[in-house]
Protein backbone atom coordinates (compact mmCIF):
# COMPACT_ATOMS: atom_id res chain seq x y z
CA MET A 1 100.54 -80.74 35.21
CA LYS A 2 99.45 -84.17 36.31
CA GLY A 3 102.25 -86.71 35.94
CA GLN A 4 104.91 -84.06 35.29
CA THR A 5 107.45 -82.65 37.67
CA LYS A 6 106.48 -79.28 39.04
CA ASN A 7 108.86 -76.36 39.04
CA THR A 8 110.20 -75.55 42.52
CA GLY A 9 110.79 -71.93 41.48
CA VAL A 10 107.06 -71.47 40.97
CA LEU A 11 106.41 -72.77 44.50
CA VAL A 12 108.98 -70.37 45.96
CA LEU A 13 107.48 -67.41 44.08
CA LEU A 14 103.96 -68.35 45.16
CA MET A 15 105.08 -68.67 48.79
CA LEU A 16 106.83 -65.29 48.66
CA ALA A 17 103.72 -63.72 47.17
CA GLY A 18 101.60 -65.39 49.88
CA VAL A 19 103.74 -64.14 52.74
CA VAL A 20 103.91 -60.60 51.30
CA LEU A 21 100.15 -60.42 50.71
CA GLY A 22 99.49 -61.95 54.13
CA GLY A 23 101.74 -59.39 55.80
CA PHE A 24 100.03 -56.59 53.87
CA LEU A 25 96.61 -57.83 54.96
CA ALA A 26 97.81 -58.18 58.55
CA ASP A 27 98.92 -54.55 58.51
CA LEU A 28 95.59 -53.42 57.05
CA LEU A 29 93.47 -55.44 59.47
CA LYS A 30 95.39 -54.82 62.71
CA ASN A 31 92.83 -52.25 63.96
CA VAL A 32 89.71 -54.15 62.86
CA PRO A 33 87.91 -55.77 65.81
CA GLY A 34 87.93 -59.56 65.52
CA LEU A 35 90.50 -59.61 62.71
CA GLY A 36 93.33 -57.93 64.58
CA ILE A 37 94.61 -61.33 65.67
CA LEU A 38 95.85 -61.90 62.10
CA SER A 39 98.53 -59.28 62.74
CA TYR A 40 99.91 -61.17 65.76
CA GLY A 41 103.45 -62.25 65.00
CA LYS A 42 107.00 -62.71 66.08
CA ASP A 43 110.21 -61.01 64.86
CA PHE A 44 113.34 -63.00 64.18
CA GLY A 45 116.71 -61.56 63.25
CA MET A 46 119.40 -59.20 64.38
CA THR A 47 118.35 -56.25 66.52
CA SER A 48 121.42 -54.25 65.56
CA PRO A 49 123.23 -54.58 62.23
CA LEU A 50 126.69 -56.07 61.84
CA VAL A 51 129.07 -53.24 60.89
CA LEU A 52 132.38 -53.72 59.10
CA ASP A 53 134.38 -50.50 59.06
CA PHE A 54 137.46 -50.48 56.82
CA ASP A 55 138.14 -46.76 57.26
CA VAL A 56 137.57 -46.16 53.53
CA LEU A 57 134.54 -48.41 53.21
CA SER A 58 131.85 -49.17 55.76
CA LEU A 59 129.46 -52.10 55.32
CA GLN A 60 126.34 -52.86 57.34
CA PHE A 61 124.58 -56.22 57.31
CA GLY A 62 121.23 -56.95 58.89
CA CYS A 63 118.24 -59.22 58.52
CA ASN A 64 114.86 -59.19 60.22
CA ILE A 65 111.90 -61.45 59.46
CA ARG A 66 108.42 -61.01 60.90
CA PHE A 67 106.03 -63.96 60.85
CA THR A 68 102.35 -63.14 61.31
CA LEU A 69 99.31 -65.39 61.35
CA ALA A 70 98.11 -63.80 58.11
CA GLY A 71 101.50 -64.45 56.50
CA ILE A 72 101.37 -68.10 57.52
CA LEU A 73 97.84 -68.35 56.10
CA GLY A 74 99.16 -66.74 52.90
CA ILE A 75 101.85 -69.41 52.63
CA ALA A 76 99.24 -72.14 53.19
CA VAL A 77 97.04 -70.71 50.43
CA ALA A 78 100.06 -70.48 48.11
CA ILE A 79 100.89 -74.16 48.71
CA TRP A 80 97.25 -75.09 48.09
CA ILE A 81 97.26 -73.14 44.80
CA TYR A 82 100.52 -74.83 43.80
CA ARG A 83 99.08 -78.28 44.44
CA LYS A 84 96.00 -77.45 42.34
CA MET A 85 98.15 -76.44 39.37
């Protein structure tokens, strides 16, 4: 795609795939000596969900994101793949 505009949606999908695969690998490798550091991460989000109770209808909203080193590496690989396309 040299000289053409690249699709931003493809980049977003590649980055999502990279973070999901990185998180999966981090979970698999957390007990492996030497590779357990890839599962080191930080959680961001709400610890308790926001609850809206309308007596007839109850809604709960919550969001939690966990960044791990493997997930960040997955995003970096996804960006590299995108640039090579």
